[in-house]
Amino acid sequence: MNTRIMSYTLLLSGMCLLGLSVTAAPTNSPKKGAMTKIAVVDVRRMLTQDPQLLKEDASVSHEWRELYNTLQETLKPINDEMKTLQAQYQEKVQELEKLQKSGVSSQEALQKKYKEEVAPFEYRYQAQSQRVQNFSYAELNKIQGVVGPKIQKATDKVAQAQGWDFVISKDVIASTFASGSRFNVTDDVLAIINADYAKTKAAAPKKDAKA
């Protein structure tokens, strides 16, 4: 699978999560005449796929990072297989193009070569690309099924503690709320989910080292 397919899959899956949890439950019904207090949370940043941001502890969900990196390792041999298949396909296409430009082969002979040598590689590559994309999408949905509810729970905690009536995803509004803005509670949500994950990891049974 090439980078374009992986990025497209991640984007689709990320938007799926955003659609499921863009708004924290109201903490209290605003009093009549009171101004509704709304904050934003940058879910995309917490579930980033940017290599640089993934290295920054304060910018990403640590659990997401570990699960995402594990998926990348799983996909590496599949990506290598896809590169090999793509190279074989391109080689066959180039052979056919050279024959076509040379003019020594009839149209019938060219069509036969395409059908017998090029088309099978084209079909295999497209079919494998679709299988890999489906696999990636399914695995990312599983990861988001683990991390997503924790982000929602932490967002609700922040809303309750800080008195926000609603917390919405940064992606659904036009205004830009920089990190550090009093309306942007992303760092507060991250602090909760990363602290909880650290406690969970610390409490997990240690794997015995192999002799």
N, C-alpha and C. Protein backbone atom coordinates (compact mmCIF):
# COMPACT_ATOMS: atom_id res chain seq x y z
N MET A 1 0.85 -1.19 0.00
CA MET A 1 0.00 0.00 0.00
C MET A 1 0.88 1.23 0.00
N ASN A 2 0.56 2.21 -0.86
CA ASN A 2 1.40 3.39 -0.90
C ASN A 2 0.93 4.41 0.12
N THR A 3 1.73 5.47 0.27
CA THR A 3 1.46 6.48 1.29
C THR A 3 0.12 7.17 1.04
N ARG A 4 -0.22 7.39 -0.24
CA ARG A 4 -1.46 8.07 -0.56
C ARG A 4 -2.66 7.28 -0.03
N ILE A 5 -2.64 5.96 -0.23
CA ILE A 5 -3.74 5.14 0.23
C ILE A 5 -3.82 5.17 1.75
N MET A 6 -2.65 5.05 2.42
CA MET A 6 -2.65 5.02 3.87
C MET A 6 -3.16 6.35 4.43
N SER A 7 -2.71 7.47 3.84
CA SER A 7 -3.14 8.78 4.33
C SER A 7 -4.63 8.95 4.13
N TYR A 8 -5.13 8.49 2.97
CA TYR A 8 -6.55 8.61 2.68
C TYR A 8 -7.37 7.79 3.67
N THR A 9 -6.89 6.60 3.98
CA THR A 9 -7.59 5.74 4.92
C THR A 9 -7.61 6.36 6.30
N LEU A 10 -6.47 6.90 6.74
CA LEU A 10 -6.40 7.52 8.05
C LEU A 10 -7.31 8.73 8.14
N LEU A 11 -7.36 9.49 7.05
CA LEU A 11 -8.20 10.68 7.06
C LEU A 11 -9.66 10.30 7.19
N LEU A 12 -10.08 9.30 6.40
CA LEU A 12 -11.47 8.86 6.47
C LEU A 12 -11.81 8.36 7.87
N SER A 13 -10.91 7.55 8.43
CA SER A 13 -11.18 6.99 9.74
C SER A 13 -11.19 8.07 10.80
N GLY A 14 -10.30 9.06 10.66
CA GLY A 14 -10.27 10.15 11.61
C GLY A 14 -11.55 10.96 11.57
N MET A 15 -12.07 11.19 10.37
CA MET A 15 -13.32 11.93 10.24
C MET A 15 -14.46 11.14 10.84
N CYS A 16 -14.39 9.81 10.75
CA CYS A 16 -15.43 8.97 11.35
C CYS A 16 -15.49 9.20 12.85
N LEU A 17 -14.32 9.24 13.49
CA LEU A 17 -14.29 9.47 14.94
C LEU A 17 -14.81 10.86 15.27
N LEU A 18 -14.39 11.85 14.48
CA LEU A 18 -14.84 13.21 14.74
C LEU A 18 -16.36 13.30 14.67
N GLY A 19 -16.93 12.57 13.75
CA GLY A 19 -18.36 12.59 13.60
C GLY A 19 -19.07 11.94 14.78
N LEU A 20 -18.39 11.05 15.48
CA LEU A 20 -19.01 10.35 16.60
C LEU A 20 -18.91 11.13 17.90
N SER A 21 -17.89 11.98 18.02
CA SER A 21 -17.69 12.61 19.32
C SER A 21 -17.23 14.06 19.19
N VAL A 22 -18.01 14.86 18.50
CA VAL A 22 -17.61 16.26 18.33
C VAL A 22 -18.11 17.13 19.47
N THR A 23 -19.06 16.65 20.25
CA THR A 23 -19.65 17.51 21.27
C THR A 23 -19.73 16.79 22.60
N ALA A 24 -19.21 17.42 23.62
CA ALA A 24 -19.35 16.86 24.96
C ALA A 24 -20.77 17.11 25.45
N ALA A 25 -21.24 16.22 26.29
CA ALA A 25 -22.59 16.40 26.84
C ALA A 25 -22.64 17.67 27.66
N PRO A 26 -23.74 18.41 27.59
CA PRO A 26 -23.86 19.63 28.37
C PRO A 26 -23.68 19.33 29.85
N THR A 27 -22.89 20.15 30.54
CA THR A 27 -22.69 19.93 31.97
C THR A 27 -23.91 20.34 32.77
N ASN A 28 -24.45 21.49 32.43
CA ASN A 28 -25.66 21.99 33.07
C ASN A 28 -26.41 22.81 32.04
N SER A 29 -27.70 22.85 32.14
CA SER A 29 -28.47 23.69 31.24
C SER A 29 -28.18 25.15 31.58
N PRO A 30 -27.76 25.96 30.60
CA PRO A 30 -27.45 27.36 30.87
C PRO A 30 -28.67 28.07 31.46
N LYS A 31 -28.41 28.92 32.43
CA LYS A 31 -29.51 29.67 33.04
C LYS A 31 -30.06 30.65 32.01
N LYS A 32 -31.34 30.93 32.15
CA LYS A 32 -32.00 31.84 31.23
C LYS A 32 -31.29 33.18 31.26
N GLY A 33 -30.91 33.65 30.08
CA GLY A 33 -30.23 34.93 29.98
C GLY A 33 -28.73 34.84 30.10
N ALA A 34 -28.21 33.67 30.54
CA ALA A 34 -26.76 33.51 30.68
C ALA A 34 -26.14 33.17 29.33
N MET A 35 -24.92 33.60 29.14
CA MET A 35 -24.21 33.30 27.89
C MET A 35 -23.72 31.86 27.91
N THR A 36 -23.98 31.13 26.82
CA THR A 36 -23.52 29.75 26.72
C THR A 36 -22.01 29.73 26.56
N LYS A 37 -21.35 28.93 27.36
CA LYS A 37 -19.88 28.83 27.32
C LYS A 37 -19.48 27.63 26.47
N ILE A 38 -18.75 27.90 25.40
CA ILE A 38 -18.36 26.85 24.46
C ILE A 38 -16.84 26.82 24.31
N ALA A 39 -16.25 25.65 24.44
CA ALA A 39 -14.81 25.46 24.24
C ALA A 39 -14.59 24.54 23.04
N VAL A 40 -13.34 24.42 22.62
CA VAL A 40 -13.02 23.53 21.50
C VAL A 40 -11.95 22.54 21.93
N VAL A 41 -11.95 21.39 21.25
CA VAL A 41 -10.92 20.38 21.48
C VAL A 41 -10.43 19.90 20.11
N ASP A 42 -9.13 19.78 19.98
CA ASP A 42 -8.52 19.40 18.69
C ASP A 42 -8.31 17.88 18.67
N VAL A 43 -9.34 17.16 18.27
CA VAL A 43 -9.27 15.70 18.22
C VAL A 43 -8.24 15.25 17.18
N ARG A 44 -8.19 15.94 16.06
CA ARG A 44 -7.25 15.56 14.99
C ARG A 44 -5.81 15.60 15.49
N ARG A 45 -5.49 16.58 16.33
CA ARG A 45 -4.12 16.68 16.86
C ARG A 45 -3.83 15.51 17.80
N MET A 46 -4.80 15.17 18.63
CA MET A 46 -4.59 14.06 19.57
C MET A 46 -4.40 12.73 18.85
N LEU A 47 -5.02 12.61 17.68
CA LEU A 47 -4.92 11.39 16.89
C LEU A 47 -4.13 11.65 15.61
N THR A 48 -3.08 12.42 15.74
CA THR A 48 -2.31 12.83 14.57
C THR A 48 -1.61 11.65 13.90
N GLN A 49 -1.36 11.82 12.61
CA GLN A 49 -0.52 10.87 11.87
C GLN A 49 0.75 11.56 11.37
N ASP A 50 0.94 12.80 11.80
CA ASP A 50 2.13 13.55 11.43
C ASP A 50 3.35 12.99 12.18
N PRO A 51 4.37 12.55 11.46
CA PRO A 51 5.55 11.92 12.10
C PRO A 51 6.20 12.80 13.16
N GLN A 52 6.26 14.11 12.90
CA GLN A 52 6.90 15.01 13.86
C GLN A 52 6.07 15.17 15.12
N LEU A 53 4.77 15.37 14.95
CA LEU A 53 3.88 15.54 16.11
C LEU A 53 3.81 14.26 16.94
N LEU A 54 3.94 13.12 16.29
CA LEU A 54 3.90 11.85 17.02
C LEU A 54 5.06 11.73 18.01
N LYS A 55 6.13 12.47 17.77
CA LYS A 55 7.29 12.42 18.66
C LYS A 55 7.12 13.33 19.87
N GLU A 56 6.15 14.24 19.79
CA GLU A 56 5.97 15.22 20.86
C GLU A 56 4.96 14.70 21.88
N ASP A 57 5.44 14.40 23.08
CA ASP A 57 4.58 13.81 24.10
C ASP A 57 3.37 14.66 24.44
N ALA A 58 3.54 15.98 24.38
CA ALA A 58 2.45 16.87 24.80
C ALA A 58 1.43 17.11 23.71
N SER A 59 1.67 16.58 22.51
CA SER A 59 0.79 16.88 21.38
C SER A 59 -0.13 15.75 20.97
N VAL A 60 0.04 14.58 21.56
CA VAL A 60 -0.66 13.42 21.03
C VAL A 60 -1.10 12.50 22.16
N SER A 61 -2.13 11.72 21.90
CA SER A 61 -2.52 10.67 22.83
C SER A 61 -1.46 9.59 22.79
N HIS A 62 -0.89 9.27 23.94
CA HIS A 62 0.19 8.28 23.99
C HIS A 62 -0.31 6.89 23.61
N GLU A 63 -1.52 6.60 23.99
CA GLU A 63 -2.08 5.28 23.65
C GLU A 63 -2.31 5.18 22.14
N TRP A 64 -2.85 6.27 21.55
CA TRP A 64 -3.02 6.29 20.10
C TRP A 64 -1.69 6.09 19.41
N ARG A 65 -0.65 6.79 19.87
CA ARG A 65 0.66 6.71 19.24
C ARG A 65 1.19 5.28 19.25
N GLU A 66 1.08 4.60 20.37
CA GLU A 66 1.58 3.23 20.46
C GLU A 66 0.79 2.29 19.55
N LEU A 67 -0.52 2.43 19.56
CA LEU A 67 -1.35 1.56 18.71
C LEU A 67 -1.13 1.87 17.23
N TYR A 68 -1.00 3.14 16.90
CA TYR A 68 -0.77 3.54 15.51
C TYR A 68 0.58 3.03 15.01
N ASN A 69 1.62 3.17 15.84
CA ASN A 69 2.95 2.70 15.44
C ASN A 69 2.98 1.18 15.28
N THR A 70 2.23 0.48 16.12
CA THR A 70 2.13 -0.98 16.00
C THR A 70 1.47 -1.35 14.67
N LEU A 71 0.43 -0.61 14.30
CA LEU A 71 -0.23 -0.86 13.02
C LEU A 71 0.72 -0.60 11.86
N GLN A 72 1.52 0.46 11.96
CA GLN A 72 2.48 0.77 10.91
C GLN A 72 3.48 -0.36 10.72
N GLU A 73 3.92 -0.95 11.83
CA GLU A 73 4.85 -2.07 11.75
C GLU A 73 4.18 -3.28 11.10
N THR A 74 2.90 -3.48 11.41
CA THR A 74 2.15 -4.58 10.80
C THR A 74 2.02 -4.39 9.29
N LEU A 75 1.86 -3.13 8.88
CA LEU A 75 1.66 -2.83 7.47
C LEU A 75 2.95 -2.82 6.66
N LYS A 76 4.10 -2.75 7.32
CA LYS A 76 5.36 -2.61 6.59
C LYS A 76 5.60 -3.74 5.59
N PRO A 77 5.50 -5.03 5.98
CA PRO A 77 5.71 -6.08 4.98
C PRO A 77 4.66 -6.07 3.88
N ILE A 78 3.44 -5.63 4.21
CA ILE A 78 2.38 -5.53 3.20
C ILE A 78 2.72 -4.43 2.22
N ASN A 79 3.23 -3.31 2.72
CA ASN A 79 3.65 -2.21 1.86
C ASN A 79 4.77 -2.63 0.93
N ASP A 80 5.72 -3.41 1.46
CA ASP A 80 6.83 -3.89 0.65
C ASP A 80 6.33 -4.80 -0.47
N GLU A 81 5.35 -5.63 -0.15
CA GLU A 81 4.76 -6.52 -1.15
C GLU A 81 4.07 -5.72 -2.24
N MET A 82 3.38 -4.65 -1.82
CA MET A 82 2.69 -3.80 -2.77
C MET A 82 3.67 -3.09 -3.70
N LYS A 83 4.80 -2.64 -3.15
CA LYS A 83 5.82 -1.98 -3.97
C LYS A 83 6.37 -2.93 -5.03
N THR A 84 6.59 -4.18 -4.63
CA THR A 84 7.09 -5.18 -5.58
C THR A 84 6.08 -5.43 -6.68
N LEU A 85 4.83 -5.58 -6.30
CA LEU A 85 3.76 -5.82 -7.28
C LEU A 85 3.60 -4.64 -8.22
N GLN A 86 3.71 -3.43 -7.68
CA GLN A 86 3.59 -2.24 -8.50
C GLN A 86 4.74 -2.14 -9.50
N ALA A 87 5.95 -2.49 -9.05
CA ALA A 87 7.12 -2.44 -9.93
C ALA A 87 6.97 -3.45 -11.08
N GLN A 88 6.46 -4.64 -10.77
CA GLN A 88 6.25 -5.65 -11.80
C GLN A 88 5.21 -5.19 -12.82
N TYR A 89 4.16 -4.56 -12.31
CA TYR A 89 3.10 -4.05 -13.20
C TYR A 89 3.65 -2.96 -14.11
N GLN A 90 4.41 -2.01 -13.54
CA GLN A 90 4.96 -0.91 -14.33
C GLN A 90 5.94 -1.42 -15.39
N GLU A 91 6.67 -2.47 -15.04
CA GLU A 91 7.61 -3.06 -15.99
C GLU A 91 6.87 -3.61 -17.21
N LYS A 92 5.76 -4.30 -16.97
CA LYS A 92 4.97 -4.86 -18.05
C LYS A 92 4.35 -3.75 -18.92
N VAL A 93 3.91 -2.67 -18.27
CA VAL A 93 3.34 -1.54 -19.00
C VAL A 93 4.39 -0.90 -19.90
N GLN A 94 5.60 -0.74 -19.37
CA GLN A 94 6.68 -0.13 -20.16
C GLN A 94 7.04 -1.00 -21.36
N GLU A 95 7.06 -2.31 -21.18
CA GLU A 95 7.34 -3.22 -22.30
C GLU A 95 6.29 -3.06 -23.39
N LEU A 96 5.04 -2.96 -22.97
CA LEU A 96 3.95 -2.80 -23.93
C LEU A 96 4.05 -1.47 -24.66
N GLU A 97 4.40 -0.40 -23.93
CA GLU A 97 4.53 0.92 -24.55
C GLU A 97 5.67 0.96 -25.56
N LYS A 98 6.77 0.28 -25.26
CA LYS A 98 7.89 0.23 -26.20
C LYS A 98 7.50 -0.48 -27.49
N LEU A 99 6.78 -1.57 -27.35
CA LEU A 99 6.32 -2.30 -28.52
C LEU A 99 5.38 -1.45 -29.36
N GLN A 100 4.51 -0.73 -28.68
CA GLN A 100 3.55 0.12 -29.38
C GLN A 100 4.26 1.23 -30.16
N LYS A 101 5.28 1.84 -29.53
CA LYS A 101 6.01 2.92 -30.18
C LYS A 101 6.88 2.42 -31.34
N SER A 102 7.36 1.20 -31.22
CA SER A 102 8.24 0.65 -32.26
C SER A 102 7.49 0.41 -33.56
N GLY A 103 6.20 0.13 -33.46
CA GLY A 103 5.39 -0.11 -34.65
C GLY A 103 5.59 -1.47 -35.29
N VAL A 104 6.34 -2.35 -34.63
CA VAL A 104 6.62 -3.67 -35.23
C VAL A 104 5.51 -4.67 -34.93
N SER A 105 4.67 -4.36 -33.96
CA SER A 105 3.60 -5.29 -33.59
C SER A 105 2.25 -4.75 -34.04
N SER A 106 1.40 -5.67 -34.46
CA SER A 106 0.07 -5.28 -34.90
C SER A 106 -0.79 -4.92 -33.68
N GLN A 107 -1.90 -4.25 -33.95
CA GLN A 107 -2.81 -3.89 -32.87
C GLN A 107 -3.35 -5.13 -32.18
N GLU A 108 -3.57 -6.15 -32.96
CA GLU A 108 -4.06 -7.41 -32.40
C GLU A 108 -3.03 -8.04 -31.46
N ALA A 109 -1.75 -7.99 -31.86
CA ALA A 109 -0.69 -8.55 -31.04
C ALA A 109 -0.52 -7.76 -29.74
N LEU A 110 -0.66 -6.44 -29.84
CA LEU A 110 -0.56 -5.59 -28.65
C LEU A 110 -1.70 -5.87 -27.67
N GLN A 111 -2.89 -6.03 -28.20
CA GLN A 111 -4.04 -6.33 -27.35
C GLN A 111 -3.89 -7.68 -26.66
N LYS A 112 -3.32 -8.63 -27.39
CA LYS A 112 -3.10 -9.96 -26.82
C LYS A 112 -2.07 -9.90 -25.69
N LYS A 113 -1.00 -9.12 -25.92
CA LYS A 113 0.04 -8.98 -24.89
C LYS A 113 -0.53 -8.32 -23.64
N TYR A 114 -1.37 -7.30 -23.88
CA TYR A 114 -1.98 -6.62 -22.74
C TYR A 114 -2.86 -7.59 -21.96
N LYS A 115 -3.67 -8.33 -22.65
CA LYS A 115 -4.60 -9.24 -22.00
C LYS A 115 -3.87 -10.35 -21.25
N GLU A 116 -2.78 -10.87 -21.81
CA GLU A 116 -2.10 -12.01 -21.21
C GLU A 116 -1.03 -11.63 -20.18
N GLU A 117 -0.40 -10.45 -20.35
CA GLU A 117 0.73 -10.11 -19.49
C GLU A 117 0.51 -8.89 -18.59
N VAL A 118 -0.15 -7.87 -19.13
CA VAL A 118 -0.32 -6.64 -18.35
C VAL A 118 -1.57 -6.69 -17.47
N ALA A 119 -2.69 -7.08 -18.04
CA ALA A 119 -3.97 -7.07 -17.32
C ALA A 119 -3.94 -7.89 -16.03
N PRO A 120 -3.32 -9.08 -16.02
CA PRO A 120 -3.30 -9.84 -14.76
C PRO A 120 -2.60 -9.09 -13.63
N PHE A 121 -1.48 -8.40 -13.94
CA PHE A 121 -0.77 -7.62 -12.92
C PHE A 121 -1.62 -6.42 -12.48
N GLU A 122 -2.28 -5.81 -13.45
CA GLU A 122 -3.13 -4.66 -13.13
C GLU A 122 -4.26 -5.08 -12.18
N TYR A 123 -4.88 -6.21 -12.48
CA TYR A 123 -5.97 -6.71 -11.64
C TYR A 123 -5.45 -7.06 -10.24
N ARG A 124 -4.32 -7.75 -10.18
CA ARG A 124 -3.76 -8.15 -8.89
C ARG A 124 -3.41 -6.94 -8.04
N TYR A 125 -2.82 -5.92 -8.68
CA TYR A 125 -2.42 -4.73 -7.94
C TYR A 125 -3.65 -3.98 -7.40
N GLN A 126 -4.66 -3.82 -8.24
CA GLN A 126 -5.86 -3.10 -7.81
C GLN A 126 -6.60 -3.87 -6.72
N ALA A 127 -6.68 -5.20 -6.88
CA ALA A 127 -7.38 -6.02 -5.89
C ALA A 127 -6.65 -5.99 -4.55
N GLN A 128 -5.31 -6.08 -4.60
CA GLN A 128 -4.52 -6.05 -3.37
C GLN A 128 -4.60 -4.68 -2.70
N SER A 129 -4.59 -3.62 -3.50
CA SER A 129 -4.71 -2.27 -2.96
C SER A 129 -6.02 -2.12 -2.19
N GLN A 130 -7.09 -2.65 -2.76
CA GLN A 130 -8.39 -2.55 -2.11
C GLN A 130 -8.43 -3.35 -0.82
N ARG A 131 -7.82 -4.54 -0.84
CA ARG A 131 -7.80 -5.38 0.36
C ARG A 131 -7.00 -4.69 1.48
N VAL A 132 -5.86 -4.10 1.11
CA VAL A 132 -5.03 -3.43 2.11
C VAL A 132 -5.74 -2.21 2.67
N GLN A 133 -6.42 -1.47 1.80
CA GLN A 133 -7.13 -0.28 2.27
C GLN A 133 -8.26 -0.69 3.22
N ASN A 134 -8.98 -1.75 2.88
CA ASN A 134 -10.05 -2.23 3.76
C ASN A 134 -9.50 -2.69 5.10
N PHE A 135 -8.37 -3.39 5.06
CA PHE A 135 -7.74 -3.87 6.29
C PHE A 135 -7.31 -2.69 7.16
N SER A 136 -6.68 -1.68 6.54
CA SER A 136 -6.21 -0.51 7.29
C SER A 136 -7.38 0.22 7.93
N TYR A 137 -8.44 0.39 7.17
CA TYR A 137 -9.61 1.10 7.68
C TYR A 137 -10.20 0.35 8.88
N ALA A 138 -10.30 -0.97 8.75
CA ALA A 138 -10.87 -1.78 9.84
C ALA A 138 -10.00 -1.70 11.10
N GLU A 139 -8.67 -1.77 10.92
CA GLU A 139 -7.77 -1.73 12.07
C GLU A 139 -7.78 -0.36 12.74
N LEU A 140 -7.86 0.70 11.94
CA LEU A 140 -7.92 2.04 12.51
C LEU A 140 -9.23 2.25 13.28
N ASN A 141 -10.29 1.68 12.77
CA ASN A 141 -11.56 1.77 13.49
C ASN A 141 -11.47 1.07 14.85
N LYS A 142 -10.74 -0.04 14.89
CA LYS A 142 -10.55 -0.75 16.16
C LYS A 142 -9.77 0.13 17.15
N ILE A 143 -8.71 0.77 16.64
CA ILE A 143 -7.90 1.64 17.50
C ILE A 143 -8.75 2.79 18.03
N GLN A 144 -9.54 3.38 17.15
CA GLN A 144 -10.37 4.49 17.56
C GLN A 144 -11.46 4.04 18.52
N GLY A 145 -11.88 2.78 18.38
CA GLY A 145 -12.84 2.24 19.32
C GLY A 145 -12.27 2.13 20.72
N VAL A 146 -10.94 2.04 20.81
CA VAL A 146 -10.26 1.99 22.11
C VAL A 146 -10.03 3.39 22.66
N VAL A 147 -9.50 4.28 21.82
CA VAL A 147 -9.09 5.61 22.28
C VAL A 147 -10.24 6.62 22.29
N GLY A 148 -11.12 6.52 21.30
CA GLY A 148 -12.19 7.49 21.16
C GLY A 148 -13.05 7.70 22.40
N PRO A 149 -13.58 6.62 23.00
CA PRO A 149 -14.41 6.81 24.20
C PRO A 149 -13.65 7.45 25.36
N LYS A 150 -12.35 7.22 25.44
CA LYS A 150 -11.55 7.81 26.51
C LYS A 150 -11.40 9.32 26.29
N ILE A 151 -11.28 9.72 25.03
CA ILE A 151 -11.23 11.16 24.72
C ILE A 151 -12.55 11.81 25.09
N GLN A 152 -13.64 11.13 24.75
CA GLN A 152 -14.97 11.67 25.07
C GLN A 152 -15.15 11.80 26.58
N LYS A 153 -14.74 10.77 27.31
CA LYS A 153 -14.89 10.80 28.77
C LYS A 153 -14.05 11.92 29.39
N ALA A 154 -12.82 12.07 28.91
CA ALA A 154 -11.94 13.13 29.43
C ALA A 154 -12.49 14.51 29.07
N THR A 155 -13.05 14.63 27.87
CA THR A 155 -13.63 15.90 27.45
C THR A 155 -14.80 16.28 28.36
N ASP A 156 -15.61 15.31 28.70
CA ASP A 156 -16.73 15.57 29.61
C ASP A 156 -16.23 16.00 31.00
N LYS A 157 -15.14 15.38 31.46
CA LYS A 157 -14.56 15.76 32.75
C LYS A 157 -14.08 17.20 32.74
N VAL A 158 -13.41 17.59 31.66
CA VAL A 158 -12.91 18.96 31.53
C VAL A 158 -14.07 19.94 31.49
N ALA A 159 -15.10 19.60 30.72
CA ALA A 159 -16.26 20.48 30.62
C ALA A 159 -16.90 20.69 31.99
N GLN A 160 -17.02 19.60 32.75
CA GLN A 160 -17.63 19.68 34.07
C GLN A 160 -16.77 20.50 35.02
N ALA A 161 -15.46 20.23 35.01
CA ALA A 161 -14.56 20.90 35.95
C ALA A 161 -14.40 22.38 35.65
N GLN A 162 -14.42 22.74 34.37
CA GLN A 162 -14.16 24.14 33.99
C GLN A 162 -15.43 24.94 33.71
N GLY A 163 -16.57 24.26 33.77
CA GLY A 163 -17.82 24.97 33.61
C GLY A 163 -18.23 25.29 32.18
N TRP A 164 -17.74 24.49 31.23
CA TRP A 164 -18.16 24.70 29.84
C TRP A 164 -19.51 24.03 29.62
N ASP A 165 -20.37 24.71 28.87
CA ASP A 165 -21.66 24.10 28.55
C ASP A 165 -21.51 23.07 27.43
N PHE A 166 -20.65 23.36 26.47
CA PHE A 166 -20.38 22.44 25.37
C PHE A 166 -18.89 22.49 25.03
N VAL A 167 -18.36 21.37 24.56
CA VAL A 167 -17.01 21.33 24.00
C VAL A 167 -17.15 20.69 22.63
N ILE A 168 -16.79 21.42 21.58
CA ILE A 168 -16.96 20.92 20.22
C ILE A 168 -15.60 20.72 19.55
N SER A 169 -15.59 19.88 18.53
CA SER A 169 -14.36 19.61 17.80
C SER A 169 -13.91 20.85 17.04
N LYS A 170 -12.62 21.10 17.07
CA LYS A 170 -12.04 22.25 16.37
C LYS A 170 -12.31 22.18 14.87
N ASP A 171 -12.48 20.97 14.33
CA ASP A 171 -12.64 20.80 12.89
C ASP A 171 -14.00 21.26 12.37
N VAL A 172 -14.96 21.45 13.24
CA VAL A 172 -16.30 21.80 12.76
C VAL A 172 -16.58 23.30 12.82
N ILE A 173 -15.57 24.09 13.18
CA ILE A 173 -15.77 25.54 13.25
C ILE A 173 -14.73 26.24 12.38
N ALA A 174 -15.08 27.44 11.92
CA ALA A 174 -14.20 28.19 11.03
C ALA A 174 -13.11 28.94 11.79
N SER A 175 -13.41 29.39 13.01
CA SER A 175 -12.43 30.17 13.77
C SER A 175 -11.25 29.31 14.19
N THR A 176 -10.08 29.94 14.33
CA THR A 176 -8.88 29.23 14.76
C THR A 176 -8.61 29.54 16.23
N PHE A 177 -8.57 28.49 17.04
CA PHE A 177 -8.26 28.65 18.45
C PHE A 177 -6.90 28.01 18.70
N ALA A 178 -5.88 28.82 18.85
CA ALA A 178 -4.53 28.30 19.02
C ALA A 178 -4.40 27.57 20.35
N SER A 179 -3.43 26.65 20.38
CA SER A 179 -3.13 25.97 21.64
C SER A 179 -2.72 27.01 22.66
N GLY A 180 -3.29 26.93 23.85
CA GLY A 180 -3.01 27.93 24.87
C GLY A 180 -4.15 28.92 25.03
N SER A 181 -5.02 29.00 24.03
CA SER A 181 -6.21 29.85 24.16
C SER A 181 -7.10 29.30 25.26
N ARG A 182 -7.76 30.19 25.98
CA ARG A 182 -8.60 29.73 27.09
C ARG A 182 -9.81 28.95 26.59
N PHE A 183 -10.12 29.08 25.29
CA PHE A 183 -11.23 28.32 24.72
C PHE A 183 -10.80 26.94 24.24
N ASN A 184 -9.49 26.73 24.11
CA ASN A 184 -8.96 25.47 23.59
C ASN A 184 -8.57 24.57 24.77
N VAL A 185 -9.31 23.49 24.96
CA VAL A 185 -9.08 22.62 26.12
C VAL A 185 -8.35 21.33 25.73
N THR A 186 -7.74 21.32 24.55
CA THR A 186 -7.07 20.11 24.07
C THR A 186 -5.99 19.63 25.04
N ASP A 187 -5.16 20.55 25.53
CA ASP A 187 -4.09 20.17 26.45
C ASP A 187 -4.64 19.56 27.74
N ASP A 188 -5.77 20.08 28.19
CA ASP A 188 -6.39 19.57 29.42
C ASP A 188 -6.91 18.14 29.21
N VAL A 189 -7.50 17.93 28.04
CA VAL A 189 -8.01 16.58 27.72
C VAL A 189 -6.85 15.60 27.57
N LEU A 190 -5.80 16.03 26.90
CA LEU A 190 -4.62 15.18 26.72
C LEU A 190 -3.99 14.81 28.07
N ALA A 191 -3.93 15.78 28.96
CA ALA A 191 -3.32 15.53 30.27
C ALA A 191 -4.07 14.41 30.99
N ILE A 192 -5.38 14.39 30.87
CA ILE A 192 -6.18 13.37 31.54
C ILE A 192 -5.98 12.00 30.90
N ILE A 193 -6.12 11.93 29.58
CA ILE A 193 -6.05 10.60 28.94
C ILE A 193 -4.63 10.03 29.02
N ASN A 194 -3.61 10.88 28.95
CA ASN A 194 -2.24 10.37 29.02
C ASN A 194 -1.88 9.94 30.45
N ALA A 195 -2.39 10.67 31.43
CA ALA A 195 -2.15 10.27 32.83
C ALA A 195 -2.85 8.94 33.13
N ASP A 196 -4.08 8.80 32.65
CA ASP A 196 -4.81 7.55 32.86
C ASP A 196 -4.11 6.39 32.17
N TYR A 197 -3.60 6.64 30.95
CA TYR A 197 -2.92 5.57 30.22
C TYR A 197 -1.63 5.17 30.92
N ALA A 198 -0.91 6.14 31.47
CA ALA A 198 0.32 5.85 32.21
C ALA A 198 0.03 4.97 33.42
N LYS A 199 -1.07 5.27 34.11
CA LYS A 199 -1.44 4.46 35.27
C LYS A 199 -1.82 3.03 34.85
N THR A 200 -2.53 2.93 33.75
CA THR A 200 -2.94 1.61 33.25
C THR A 200 -1.72 0.78 32.87
N LYS A 201 -0.75 1.42 32.20
CA LYS A 201 0.47 0.71 31.81
C LYS A 201 1.28 0.29 33.03
N ALA A 202 1.35 1.16 34.01
CA ALA A 202 2.12 0.87 35.22
C ALA A 202 1.51 -0.29 36.01
N ALA A 203 0.19 -0.40 35.93
CA ALA A 203 -0.51 -1.45 36.68
C ALA A 203 -0.56 -2.78 35.93
N ALA A 204 -0.23 -2.75 34.65
CA ALA A 204 -0.30 -3.96 33.84
C ALA A 204 0.80 -4.94 34.25
N PRO A 205 0.51 -6.25 34.23
CA PRO A 205 1.52 -7.25 34.57
C PRO A 205 2.72 -7.14 33.64
N LYS A 206 3.91 -7.23 34.18
CA LYS A 206 5.12 -7.17 33.39
C LYS A 206 5.34 -8.49 32.67
N LYS A 207 5.73 -8.38 31.38
CA LYS A 207 6.03 -9.60 30.64
C LYS A 207 7.38 -10.15 31.07
N ASP A 208 7.44 -11.46 31.25
CA ASP A 208 8.70 -12.09 31.64
C ASP A 208 9.70 -11.98 30.51
N ALA A 209 10.91 -11.55 30.86
CA ALA A 209 11.97 -11.45 29.86
C ALA A 209 12.41 -12.85 29.45
N LYS A 210 12.61 -13.02 28.16
CA LYS A 210 13.07 -14.32 27.65
C LYS A 210 14.53 -14.53 28.00
N ALA A 211 14.82 -15.72 28.41
CA ALA A 211 16.20 -16.04 28.78
C ALA A 211 17.07 -16.09 27.55
